[in-house]
Amino acid sequence: MGTVDQSPTRFTKLPWRLMAAGPAALVSTLLSMVAFGLYAPIGAVDKIILPVLLFPVIYLGLFFFCMLQQKMNVVALVLSSLLIANVSIIVAMRLL
């Protein structure tokens, strides 16, 4: 019977995982809050309150996703797609 190589690769080591879970998740969450304030069809006060209330929920969701996902390729794909989507929303709303 063959054995599966379970040695950690470069991307599954703890420093890479913490870098993805900490700063990368924080940047993605902050950009989501900026984009949410631009495109949400709600009142002026709610555009401030809702992002502030949703910030911990989104950040903790991304943080735990980054820490618990086994494949770092999936983490990089999710975080980069969130980053690209939110930046494109911000740019599109500023150009209009």
N, C-alpha and C. Protein backbone atom coordinates (compact mmCIF):
# COMPACT_ATOMS: atom_id res chain seq x y z
N MET A 1 0.83 -1.17 0.00
CA MET A 1 0.00 0.00 0.00
C MET A 1 0.87 1.24 0.00
N GLY A 2 0.46 2.22 -0.76
CA GLY A 2 1.20 3.47 -0.81
C GLY A 2 0.78 4.41 0.31
N THR A 3 1.69 5.22 0.69
CA THR A 3 1.39 6.20 1.74
C THR A 3 1.29 7.58 1.12
N VAL A 4 0.50 8.39 1.73
CA VAL A 4 0.31 9.76 1.27
C VAL A 4 1.35 10.64 1.95
N ASP A 5 2.02 11.45 1.15
CA ASP A 5 3.01 12.37 1.71
C ASP A 5 2.29 13.51 2.43
N GLN A 6 2.43 13.56 3.75
CA GLN A 6 1.75 14.57 4.53
C GLN A 6 2.71 15.64 5.05
N SER A 7 3.86 15.75 4.43
CA SER A 7 4.80 16.77 4.87
C SER A 7 4.27 18.15 4.48
N PRO A 8 4.41 19.12 5.37
CA PRO A 8 3.86 20.44 5.08
C PRO A 8 4.62 21.11 3.94
N THR A 9 3.89 21.70 3.05
CA THR A 9 4.51 22.43 1.96
C THR A 9 4.76 23.86 2.41
N ARG A 10 5.30 24.64 1.53
CA ARG A 10 5.66 26.00 1.87
C ARG A 10 4.45 26.84 2.26
N PHE A 11 3.31 26.60 1.62
CA PHE A 11 2.14 27.44 1.84
C PHE A 11 1.27 27.00 3.01
N THR A 12 1.50 25.82 3.54
CA THR A 12 0.67 25.38 4.65
C THR A 12 1.34 25.58 5.99
N LYS A 13 2.53 26.13 6.01
CA LYS A 13 3.19 26.41 7.28
C LYS A 13 2.45 27.52 8.00
N LEU A 14 2.59 27.55 9.30
CA LEU A 14 1.84 28.49 10.13
C LEU A 14 2.10 29.97 9.79
N PRO A 15 3.31 30.42 9.53
CA PRO A 15 3.48 31.86 9.20
C PRO A 15 2.71 32.29 7.96
N TRP A 16 2.65 31.45 6.94
CA TRP A 16 1.89 31.80 5.74
C TRP A 16 0.40 31.84 6.05
N ARG A 17 -0.04 30.90 6.85
CA ARG A 17 -1.46 30.85 7.22
C ARG A 17 -1.84 32.06 8.06
N LEU A 18 -0.98 32.45 8.99
CA LEU A 18 -1.25 33.63 9.81
C LEU A 18 -1.21 34.91 8.99
N MET A 19 -0.32 34.95 7.98
CA MET A 19 -0.27 36.13 7.12
C MET A 19 -1.55 36.24 6.30
N ALA A 20 -2.09 35.12 5.88
CA ALA A 20 -3.35 35.15 5.13
C ALA A 20 -4.52 35.46 6.05
N ALA A 21 -4.48 34.91 7.24
CA ALA A 21 -5.61 35.09 8.16
C ALA A 21 -5.61 36.47 8.81
N GLY A 22 -4.47 37.05 9.04
CA GLY A 22 -4.39 38.34 9.71
C GLY A 22 -4.54 39.51 8.75
N PRO A 23 -3.45 39.96 8.16
CA PRO A 23 -3.49 41.17 7.32
C PRO A 23 -4.34 41.02 6.05
N ALA A 24 -4.27 39.88 5.39
CA ALA A 24 -5.02 39.72 4.15
C ALA A 24 -6.53 39.72 4.40
N ALA A 25 -6.96 39.05 5.45
CA ALA A 25 -8.38 39.06 5.79
C ALA A 25 -8.82 40.45 6.25
N LEU A 26 -7.95 41.16 6.94
CA LEU A 26 -8.26 42.52 7.39
C LEU A 26 -8.43 43.47 6.20
N VAL A 27 -7.53 43.39 5.24
CA VAL A 27 -7.63 44.25 4.05
C VAL A 27 -8.89 43.92 3.26
N SER A 28 -9.18 42.64 3.09
CA SER A 28 -10.39 42.25 2.36
C SER A 28 -11.65 42.73 3.07
N THR A 29 -11.65 42.65 4.40
CA THR A 29 -12.81 43.11 5.16
C THR A 29 -12.97 44.62 5.08
N LEU A 30 -11.88 45.36 5.19
CA LEU A 30 -11.96 46.82 5.10
C LEU A 30 -12.44 47.27 3.73
N LEU A 31 -11.96 46.63 2.68
CA LEU A 31 -12.44 46.97 1.34
C LEU A 31 -13.91 46.60 1.17
N SER A 32 -14.33 45.52 1.80
CA SER A 32 -15.75 45.16 1.75
C SER A 32 -16.61 46.21 2.43
N MET A 33 -16.12 46.76 3.53
CA MET A 33 -16.87 47.79 4.25
C MET A 33 -16.96 49.08 3.43
N VAL A 34 -15.88 49.44 2.76
CA VAL A 34 -15.92 50.64 1.90
C VAL A 34 -16.87 50.43 0.74
N ALA A 35 -16.80 49.27 0.11
CA ALA A 35 -17.69 48.99 -1.02
C ALA A 35 -19.14 48.90 -0.56
N PHE A 36 -19.37 48.33 0.61
CA PHE A 36 -20.74 48.21 1.11
C PHE A 36 -21.35 49.58 1.36
N GLY A 37 -20.56 50.51 1.85
CA GLY A 37 -21.05 51.87 2.06
C GLY A 37 -21.38 52.58 0.77
N LEU A 38 -20.78 52.15 -0.33
CA LEU A 38 -21.04 52.81 -1.62
C LEU A 38 -22.26 52.25 -2.35
N TYR A 39 -22.42 50.94 -2.33
CA TYR A 39 -23.49 50.37 -3.16
C TYR A 39 -24.76 49.99 -2.40
N ALA A 40 -24.76 50.03 -1.09
CA ALA A 40 -25.94 49.62 -0.34
C ALA A 40 -27.06 50.65 -0.48
N PRO A 41 -28.25 50.21 -0.85
CA PRO A 41 -29.38 51.15 -1.03
C PRO A 41 -30.08 51.46 0.29
N ILE A 42 -29.35 52.07 1.20
CA ILE A 42 -29.90 52.38 2.52
C ILE A 42 -29.63 53.84 2.85
N GLY A 43 -30.15 54.31 3.96
CA GLY A 43 -30.02 55.70 4.35
C GLY A 43 -28.60 56.08 4.74
N ALA A 44 -28.39 57.37 4.96
CA ALA A 44 -27.06 57.89 5.24
C ALA A 44 -26.51 57.35 6.57
N VAL A 45 -27.35 57.28 7.58
CA VAL A 45 -26.88 56.79 8.88
C VAL A 45 -26.58 55.29 8.80
N ASP A 46 -27.42 54.55 8.09
CA ASP A 46 -27.21 53.11 7.97
C ASP A 46 -25.95 52.77 7.18
N LYS A 47 -25.52 53.67 6.29
CA LYS A 47 -24.29 53.41 5.55
C LYS A 47 -23.07 53.47 6.46
N ILE A 48 -23.21 54.07 7.62
CA ILE A 48 -22.12 54.09 8.59
C ILE A 48 -22.29 52.96 9.61
N ILE A 49 -23.52 52.78 10.08
CA ILE A 49 -23.77 51.81 11.16
C ILE A 49 -23.62 50.36 10.69
N LEU A 50 -24.20 50.02 9.56
CA LEU A 50 -24.16 48.62 9.12
C LEU A 50 -22.75 48.11 8.85
N PRO A 51 -21.89 48.87 8.15
CA PRO A 51 -20.52 48.36 8.01
C PRO A 51 -19.79 48.19 9.33
N VAL A 52 -20.03 49.09 10.27
CA VAL A 52 -19.39 48.96 11.58
C VAL A 52 -19.88 47.72 12.31
N LEU A 53 -21.16 47.43 12.20
CA LEU A 53 -21.70 46.24 12.86
C LEU A 53 -21.31 44.95 12.14
N LEU A 54 -21.18 45.00 10.83
CA LEU A 54 -20.84 43.80 10.08
C LEU A 54 -19.34 43.51 10.03
N PHE A 55 -18.50 44.49 10.37
CA PHE A 55 -17.06 44.31 10.30
C PHE A 55 -16.57 43.10 11.10
N PRO A 56 -16.94 42.96 12.39
CA PRO A 56 -16.43 41.80 13.12
C PRO A 56 -16.92 40.47 12.57
N VAL A 57 -18.14 40.44 12.07
CA VAL A 57 -18.69 39.18 11.54
C VAL A 57 -17.93 38.76 10.29
N ILE A 58 -17.70 39.69 9.38
CA ILE A 58 -17.00 39.35 8.14
C ILE A 58 -15.54 39.02 8.43
N TYR A 59 -14.90 39.81 9.30
CA TYR A 59 -13.50 39.54 9.61
C TYR A 59 -13.31 38.19 10.28
N LEU A 60 -14.15 37.87 11.25
CA LEU A 60 -14.01 36.57 11.92
C LEU A 60 -14.32 35.41 10.97
N GLY A 61 -15.29 35.62 10.08
CA GLY A 61 -15.56 34.58 9.09
C GLY A 61 -14.37 34.32 8.18
N LEU A 62 -13.75 35.40 7.68
CA LEU A 62 -12.56 35.24 6.83
C LEU A 62 -11.38 34.69 7.61
N PHE A 63 -11.21 35.15 8.85
CA PHE A 63 -10.10 34.67 9.68
C PHE A 63 -10.21 33.17 9.91
N PHE A 64 -11.38 32.71 10.34
CA PHE A 64 -11.54 31.28 10.59
C PHE A 64 -11.48 30.47 9.30
N PHE A 65 -11.97 31.03 8.20
CA PHE A 65 -11.85 30.34 6.92
C PHE A 65 -10.38 30.15 6.56
N CYS A 66 -9.58 31.20 6.73
CA CYS A 66 -8.16 31.10 6.41
C CYS A 66 -7.43 30.11 7.32
N MET A 67 -7.82 30.06 8.57
CA MET A 67 -7.14 29.16 9.50
C MET A 67 -7.58 27.70 9.35
N LEU A 68 -8.82 27.48 8.95
CA LEU A 68 -9.34 26.12 8.92
C LEU A 68 -9.30 25.46 7.54
N GLN A 69 -9.16 26.24 6.49
CA GLN A 69 -9.11 25.66 5.14
C GLN A 69 -7.79 24.91 4.98
N GLN A 70 -7.86 23.72 4.44
CA GLN A 70 -6.67 22.89 4.32
C GLN A 70 -5.77 23.31 3.17
N LYS A 71 -6.36 23.80 2.11
CA LYS A 71 -5.57 24.17 0.93
C LYS A 71 -5.40 25.69 0.88
N MET A 72 -4.17 26.13 0.90
CA MET A 72 -3.90 27.55 0.85
C MET A 72 -4.22 28.15 -0.52
N ASN A 73 -4.26 27.32 -1.56
CA ASN A 73 -4.64 27.81 -2.88
C ASN A 73 -6.08 28.33 -2.87
N VAL A 74 -6.95 27.63 -2.16
CA VAL A 74 -8.35 28.05 -2.05
C VAL A 74 -8.45 29.36 -1.27
N VAL A 75 -7.65 29.48 -0.21
CA VAL A 75 -7.64 30.71 0.58
C VAL A 75 -7.19 31.88 -0.28
N ALA A 76 -6.12 31.68 -1.03
CA ALA A 76 -5.61 32.75 -1.90
C ALA A 76 -6.63 33.12 -2.97
N LEU A 77 -7.32 32.13 -3.51
CA LEU A 77 -8.33 32.40 -4.53
C LEU A 77 -9.50 33.19 -3.97
N VAL A 78 -9.99 32.81 -2.80
CA VAL A 78 -11.12 33.50 -2.19
C VAL A 78 -10.76 34.93 -1.81
N LEU A 79 -9.62 35.11 -1.15
CA LEU A 79 -9.22 36.44 -0.73
C LEU A 79 -8.93 37.36 -1.91
N SER A 80 -8.27 36.83 -2.93
CA SER A 80 -7.98 37.67 -4.10
C SER A 80 -9.24 38.00 -4.89
N SER A 81 -10.19 37.07 -4.96
CA SER A 81 -11.43 37.39 -5.67
C SER A 81 -12.25 38.42 -4.91
N LEU A 82 -12.26 38.34 -3.58
CA LEU A 82 -12.93 39.37 -2.78
C LEU A 82 -12.26 40.73 -2.97
N LEU A 83 -10.96 40.74 -2.99
CA LEU A 83 -10.21 41.97 -3.18
C LEU A 83 -10.51 42.59 -4.54
N ILE A 84 -10.47 41.80 -5.58
CA ILE A 84 -10.72 42.30 -6.94
C ILE A 84 -12.16 42.77 -7.09
N ALA A 85 -13.10 42.01 -6.55
CA ALA A 85 -14.51 42.40 -6.66
C ALA A 85 -14.78 43.71 -5.94
N ASN A 86 -14.26 43.87 -4.73
CA ASN A 86 -14.52 45.08 -3.98
C ASN A 86 -13.81 46.30 -4.56
N VAL A 87 -12.60 46.12 -5.05
CA VAL A 87 -11.90 47.24 -5.69
C VAL A 87 -12.63 47.66 -6.96
N SER A 88 -13.12 46.69 -7.73
CA SER A 88 -13.86 47.05 -8.94
C SER A 88 -15.17 47.77 -8.62
N ILE A 89 -15.83 47.38 -7.53
CA ILE A 89 -17.05 48.08 -7.11
C ILE A 89 -16.72 49.50 -6.69
N ILE A 90 -15.66 49.67 -5.93
CA ILE A 90 -15.26 51.01 -5.48
C ILE A 90 -14.92 51.91 -6.66
N VAL A 91 -14.15 51.39 -7.61
CA VAL A 91 -13.77 52.17 -8.78
C VAL A 91 -14.99 52.50 -9.64
N ALA A 92 -15.87 51.52 -9.82
CA ALA A 92 -17.06 51.76 -10.64
C ALA A 92 -17.99 52.79 -10.01
N MET A 93 -18.15 52.74 -8.72
CA MET A 93 -19.03 53.70 -8.05
C MET A 93 -18.43 55.09 -8.01
N ARG A 94 -17.13 55.19 -7.97
CA ARG A 94 -16.48 56.49 -7.97
C ARG A 94 -16.49 57.12 -9.36
N LEU A 95 -16.51 56.30 -10.40
CA LEU A 95 -16.53 56.83 -11.76
C LEU A 95 -17.92 57.30 -12.17
N LEU A 96 -18.95 56.79 -11.53
CA LEU A 96 -20.32 57.17 -11.90
C LEU A 96 -20.71 58.50 -11.36
